[in-house]
N, C-alpha and C. Protein backbone atom coordinates (compact mmCIF):
# COMPACT_ATOMS: atom_id res chain seq x y z
N MET A 1 0.83 -1.19 0.00
CA MET A 1 0.00 0.00 0.00
C MET A 1 0.87 1.26 0.00
N LEU A 2 1.93 1.23 0.81
CA LEU A 2 2.81 2.38 0.89
C LEU A 2 3.48 2.64 -0.46
N ARG A 3 3.89 1.57 -1.13
CA ARG A 3 4.51 1.72 -2.45
C ARG A 3 3.54 2.38 -3.43
N LEU A 4 2.31 1.93 -3.45
CA LEU A 4 1.29 2.50 -4.33
C LEU A 4 1.09 3.97 -4.02
N LEU A 5 1.03 4.30 -2.75
CA LEU A 5 0.86 5.69 -2.33
C LEU A 5 2.03 6.55 -2.81
N CYS A 6 3.27 6.03 -2.65
CA CYS A 6 4.46 6.76 -3.08
C CYS A 6 4.45 6.98 -4.59
N LEU A 7 4.10 5.94 -5.34
CA LEU A 7 4.07 6.05 -6.79
C LEU A 7 2.99 7.02 -7.26
N THR A 8 1.95 7.15 -6.49
CA THR A 8 0.87 8.07 -6.83
C THR A 8 1.24 9.51 -6.50
N LEU A 9 1.88 9.71 -5.36
CA LEU A 9 2.19 11.07 -4.90
C LEU A 9 3.49 11.63 -5.46
N LEU A 10 4.42 10.79 -5.85
CA LEU A 10 5.72 11.25 -6.33
C LEU A 10 5.61 12.23 -7.49
N PRO A 11 4.84 11.92 -8.54
CA PRO A 11 4.73 12.90 -9.64
C PRO A 11 4.13 14.22 -9.19
N LEU A 12 3.18 14.17 -8.28
CA LEU A 12 2.56 15.40 -7.80
C LEU A 12 3.54 16.22 -6.98
N THR A 13 4.40 15.54 -6.24
CA THR A 13 5.39 16.22 -5.40
C THR A 13 6.35 17.04 -6.25
N PHE A 14 6.77 16.48 -7.37
CA PHE A 14 7.73 17.16 -8.23
C PHE A 14 7.07 17.95 -9.35
N GLY A 15 5.77 18.02 -9.37
CA GLY A 15 5.06 18.83 -10.35
C GLY A 15 5.10 18.26 -11.75
N TYR A 16 5.24 16.96 -11.88
CA TYR A 16 5.31 16.34 -13.20
C TYR A 16 4.20 15.31 -13.34
N LEU A 17 3.49 15.37 -14.44
CA LEU A 17 2.48 14.38 -14.74
C LEU A 17 2.93 13.61 -15.97
N ALA A 18 2.72 12.31 -15.98
CA ALA A 18 3.18 11.48 -17.10
C ALA A 18 2.59 11.94 -18.43
N GLU A 19 1.43 12.54 -18.41
CA GLU A 19 0.79 12.99 -19.64
C GLU A 19 1.35 14.31 -20.14
N GLU A 20 2.17 14.97 -19.32
CA GLU A 20 2.73 16.26 -19.69
C GLU A 20 3.72 16.09 -20.84
N PRO A 21 3.60 16.85 -21.92
CA PRO A 21 4.53 16.70 -23.05
C PRO A 21 5.94 17.18 -22.67
N LEU A 22 6.94 16.56 -23.27
CA LEU A 22 8.31 16.99 -23.06
C LEU A 22 8.53 18.27 -23.85
N LEU A 23 8.94 19.30 -23.17
CA LEU A 23 9.12 20.60 -23.82
C LEU A 23 10.60 20.83 -24.11
N PHE A 24 10.99 20.68 -25.37
CA PHE A 24 12.39 20.76 -25.75
C PHE A 24 13.00 22.14 -25.51
N ASP A 25 12.20 23.17 -25.52
CA ASP A 25 12.75 24.52 -25.36
C ASP A 25 13.20 24.80 -23.93
N HIS A 26 13.06 23.85 -23.03
CA HIS A 26 13.50 24.04 -21.66
C HIS A 26 14.93 23.56 -21.43
N PHE A 27 15.57 23.02 -22.45
CA PHE A 27 16.93 22.54 -22.30
C PHE A 27 17.91 23.63 -22.72
N PRO A 28 19.10 23.66 -22.12
CA PRO A 28 20.09 24.68 -22.48
C PRO A 28 20.45 24.60 -23.96
N GLU A 29 20.87 25.71 -24.52
CA GLU A 29 21.23 25.78 -25.93
C GLU A 29 22.32 24.77 -26.29
N ASP A 30 23.26 24.53 -25.37
CA ASP A 30 24.38 23.63 -25.68
C ASP A 30 24.10 22.18 -25.29
N PHE A 31 22.86 21.87 -24.93
CA PHE A 31 22.49 20.49 -24.60
C PHE A 31 22.59 19.62 -25.85
N VAL A 32 23.21 18.46 -25.72
CA VAL A 32 23.39 17.57 -26.87
C VAL A 32 22.49 16.35 -26.73
N TRP A 33 21.57 16.18 -27.67
CA TRP A 33 20.68 15.02 -27.69
C TRP A 33 21.44 13.86 -28.31
N GLY A 34 21.23 12.68 -27.78
CA GLY A 34 21.90 11.50 -28.31
C GLY A 34 21.19 10.24 -27.88
N SER A 35 21.89 9.16 -27.96
CA SER A 35 21.34 7.87 -27.55
C SER A 35 22.44 7.06 -26.88
N ALA A 36 22.05 5.94 -26.28
CA ALA A 36 23.02 5.09 -25.60
C ALA A 36 22.56 3.64 -25.65
N THR A 37 23.52 2.74 -25.63
CA THR A 37 23.22 1.32 -25.57
C THR A 37 24.20 0.65 -24.61
N ALA A 38 23.85 -0.55 -24.18
CA ALA A 38 24.73 -1.37 -23.36
C ALA A 38 25.08 -2.63 -24.15
N ALA A 39 26.33 -3.02 -24.11
CA ALA A 39 26.84 -4.10 -24.96
C ALA A 39 25.95 -5.32 -25.01
N TYR A 40 25.69 -5.94 -23.90
CA TYR A 40 24.98 -7.22 -23.93
C TYR A 40 23.57 -7.09 -24.49
N GLN A 41 22.97 -5.94 -24.31
CA GLN A 41 21.59 -5.75 -24.75
C GLN A 41 21.47 -5.54 -26.26
N VAL A 42 22.52 -5.15 -26.93
CA VAL A 42 22.43 -4.88 -28.37
C VAL A 42 23.48 -5.58 -29.22
N GLU A 43 24.59 -5.94 -28.63
CA GLU A 43 25.74 -6.36 -29.40
C GLU A 43 25.56 -7.65 -30.19
N GLY A 44 25.15 -8.73 -29.54
CA GLY A 44 25.09 -10.03 -30.22
C GLY A 44 26.49 -10.52 -30.52
N GLY A 45 26.62 -11.40 -31.51
CA GLY A 45 27.94 -11.90 -31.91
C GLY A 45 28.72 -12.51 -30.76
N TRP A 46 28.05 -13.21 -29.87
CA TRP A 46 28.66 -13.65 -28.62
C TRP A 46 29.88 -14.54 -28.80
N ASN A 47 29.98 -15.26 -29.90
CA ASN A 47 31.14 -16.14 -30.07
C ASN A 47 31.92 -15.80 -31.34
N GLU A 48 31.92 -14.55 -31.73
CA GLU A 48 32.59 -14.10 -32.95
C GLU A 48 34.04 -13.68 -32.69
N GLU A 49 34.91 -14.03 -33.60
CA GLU A 49 36.28 -13.51 -33.69
C GLU A 49 37.01 -13.38 -32.37
N GLY A 50 36.94 -14.39 -31.53
CA GLY A 50 37.68 -14.38 -30.27
C GLY A 50 37.18 -13.40 -29.24
N LYS A 51 35.94 -12.98 -29.37
CA LYS A 51 35.37 -11.99 -28.44
C LYS A 51 35.49 -12.46 -26.99
N GLY A 52 35.31 -13.74 -26.77
CA GLY A 52 35.39 -14.25 -25.41
C GLY A 52 34.05 -14.21 -24.71
N VAL A 53 33.93 -15.02 -23.70
CA VAL A 53 32.68 -15.16 -22.95
C VAL A 53 32.67 -14.14 -21.82
N ASN A 54 31.52 -13.47 -21.65
CA ASN A 54 31.40 -12.56 -20.51
C ASN A 54 30.47 -13.18 -19.47
N ILE A 55 30.30 -12.53 -18.36
CA ILE A 55 29.51 -13.07 -17.25
C ILE A 55 28.06 -13.32 -17.66
N TRP A 56 27.50 -12.47 -18.52
CA TRP A 56 26.11 -12.66 -18.95
C TRP A 56 25.97 -13.85 -19.88
N ASP A 57 26.96 -14.08 -20.74
CA ASP A 57 26.93 -15.27 -21.60
C ASP A 57 26.84 -16.52 -20.74
N THR A 58 27.62 -16.56 -19.68
CA THR A 58 27.63 -17.71 -18.78
C THR A 58 26.33 -17.80 -17.99
N PHE A 59 25.90 -16.70 -17.42
CA PHE A 59 24.70 -16.67 -16.57
C PHE A 59 23.45 -17.11 -17.32
N THR A 60 23.28 -16.63 -18.55
CA THR A 60 22.06 -16.96 -19.29
C THR A 60 22.03 -18.39 -19.79
N LYS A 61 23.17 -19.07 -19.80
CA LYS A 61 23.22 -20.46 -20.25
C LYS A 61 22.85 -21.44 -19.13
N ILE A 62 22.79 -20.99 -17.91
CA ILE A 62 22.46 -21.86 -16.76
C ILE A 62 20.95 -21.97 -16.66
N GLU A 63 20.47 -23.18 -16.84
CA GLU A 63 19.02 -23.43 -16.82
C GLU A 63 18.40 -22.91 -15.52
N GLY A 64 17.30 -22.18 -15.68
CA GLY A 64 16.58 -21.64 -14.53
C GLY A 64 16.92 -20.20 -14.19
N ASN A 65 18.03 -19.69 -14.69
CA ASN A 65 18.39 -18.29 -14.40
C ASN A 65 17.50 -17.30 -15.14
N ILE A 66 17.10 -17.65 -16.35
CA ILE A 66 16.24 -16.79 -17.15
C ILE A 66 14.96 -17.57 -17.43
N ILE A 67 13.83 -17.06 -16.99
CA ILE A 67 12.56 -17.79 -17.05
C ILE A 67 12.27 -18.35 -18.42
N ASP A 68 12.41 -17.53 -19.47
CA ASP A 68 12.08 -18.01 -20.81
C ASP A 68 13.29 -18.58 -21.56
N GLY A 69 14.44 -18.61 -20.91
CA GLY A 69 15.64 -19.19 -21.53
C GLY A 69 16.31 -18.30 -22.57
N SER A 70 15.86 -17.07 -22.70
CA SER A 70 16.43 -16.18 -23.71
C SER A 70 17.84 -15.73 -23.31
N SER A 71 18.57 -15.23 -24.29
CA SER A 71 19.92 -14.73 -24.04
C SER A 71 20.20 -13.58 -25.00
N GLY A 72 21.37 -13.00 -24.85
CA GLY A 72 21.78 -11.92 -25.74
C GLY A 72 22.71 -12.41 -26.84
N ASP A 73 22.66 -13.71 -27.15
CA ASP A 73 23.56 -14.26 -28.17
C ASP A 73 23.47 -13.48 -29.48
N VAL A 74 22.26 -13.11 -29.87
CA VAL A 74 22.08 -12.33 -31.10
C VAL A 74 21.69 -10.89 -30.74
N ALA A 75 20.84 -10.72 -29.75
CA ALA A 75 20.36 -9.39 -29.32
C ALA A 75 19.88 -8.60 -30.53
N CYS A 76 20.31 -7.35 -30.67
CA CYS A 76 19.95 -6.53 -31.84
C CYS A 76 20.96 -6.74 -32.97
N ASP A 77 21.97 -7.55 -32.70
CA ASP A 77 23.02 -7.89 -33.67
C ASP A 77 23.81 -6.68 -34.14
N SER A 78 24.02 -5.75 -33.24
CA SER A 78 24.79 -4.56 -33.58
C SER A 78 26.24 -4.92 -33.95
N TYR A 79 26.70 -6.07 -33.48
CA TYR A 79 28.05 -6.53 -33.82
C TYR A 79 28.21 -6.62 -35.34
N HIS A 80 27.16 -7.08 -36.01
CA HIS A 80 27.20 -7.21 -37.46
C HIS A 80 26.53 -6.03 -38.18
N LYS A 81 25.65 -5.32 -37.49
CA LYS A 81 24.87 -4.26 -38.14
C LYS A 81 25.25 -2.85 -37.70
N TYR A 82 26.46 -2.71 -37.17
CA TYR A 82 26.86 -1.40 -36.64
C TYR A 82 26.80 -0.29 -37.67
N LYS A 83 27.11 -0.59 -38.93
CA LYS A 83 27.06 0.45 -39.96
C LYS A 83 25.61 0.93 -40.17
N GLU A 84 24.68 -0.02 -40.18
CA GLU A 84 23.26 0.35 -40.30
C GLU A 84 22.81 1.14 -39.07
N ASP A 85 23.28 0.72 -37.88
CA ASP A 85 22.92 1.42 -36.65
C ASP A 85 23.39 2.88 -36.68
N VAL A 86 24.62 3.08 -37.12
CA VAL A 86 25.17 4.44 -37.21
C VAL A 86 24.37 5.26 -38.22
N GLN A 87 24.02 4.67 -39.35
CA GLN A 87 23.23 5.37 -40.36
C GLN A 87 21.86 5.76 -39.80
N LEU A 88 21.23 4.87 -39.06
CA LEU A 88 19.93 5.18 -38.45
C LEU A 88 20.05 6.37 -37.50
N MET A 89 21.11 6.38 -36.68
CA MET A 89 21.30 7.50 -35.75
C MET A 89 21.56 8.80 -36.51
N LYS A 90 22.32 8.70 -37.58
CA LYS A 90 22.57 9.88 -38.42
C LYS A 90 21.27 10.40 -39.01
N ASN A 91 20.45 9.47 -39.52
CA ASN A 91 19.15 9.86 -40.09
C ASN A 91 18.25 10.52 -39.06
N LEU A 92 18.38 10.12 -37.81
CA LEU A 92 17.59 10.71 -36.73
C LEU A 92 18.16 12.03 -36.23
N GLY A 93 19.34 12.39 -36.71
CA GLY A 93 19.96 13.65 -36.30
C GLY A 93 20.69 13.56 -34.98
N MET A 94 21.03 12.37 -34.54
CA MET A 94 21.75 12.20 -33.28
C MET A 94 23.15 12.80 -33.40
N LYS A 95 23.54 13.54 -32.39
CA LYS A 95 24.85 14.18 -32.38
C LYS A 95 25.81 13.48 -31.43
N SER A 96 25.29 12.54 -30.64
CA SER A 96 26.16 11.80 -29.71
C SER A 96 25.60 10.40 -29.52
N TYR A 97 26.51 9.49 -29.19
CA TYR A 97 26.14 8.10 -28.96
C TYR A 97 27.10 7.52 -27.92
N ARG A 98 26.55 7.05 -26.83
CA ARG A 98 27.35 6.41 -25.77
C ARG A 98 27.12 4.92 -25.86
N PHE A 99 28.17 4.14 -25.92
CA PHE A 99 28.01 2.69 -26.00
C PHE A 99 29.08 2.00 -25.16
N SER A 100 28.80 0.76 -24.85
CA SER A 100 29.79 -0.06 -24.17
C SER A 100 30.04 -1.28 -25.02
N ILE A 101 31.19 -1.89 -24.84
CA ILE A 101 31.52 -3.11 -25.56
C ILE A 101 31.89 -4.18 -24.55
N SER A 102 31.74 -5.42 -24.96
CA SER A 102 32.14 -6.49 -24.04
C SER A 102 33.01 -7.49 -24.77
């Protein structure tokens, strides 16, 4: 009950409603819009070119750790589609991109 109450009152406390549109003119002139990804969530290519196994590769292979048995072996396949990914960001007008690799 307390959690529900907090989730209900929190937006009112900070004067923000989920239905309120994001107003871009409230950001500083030098604010840079961009995007970000995390390696395991988008990279794929888990066993390509000596990449090596990371902790998530191991964890997701253990039966019972992931309810539906899914993994990031392919993910969004950015490992193979990075050129397309960069082109998509360019087409969207992105000026920055933060990523991690594993």
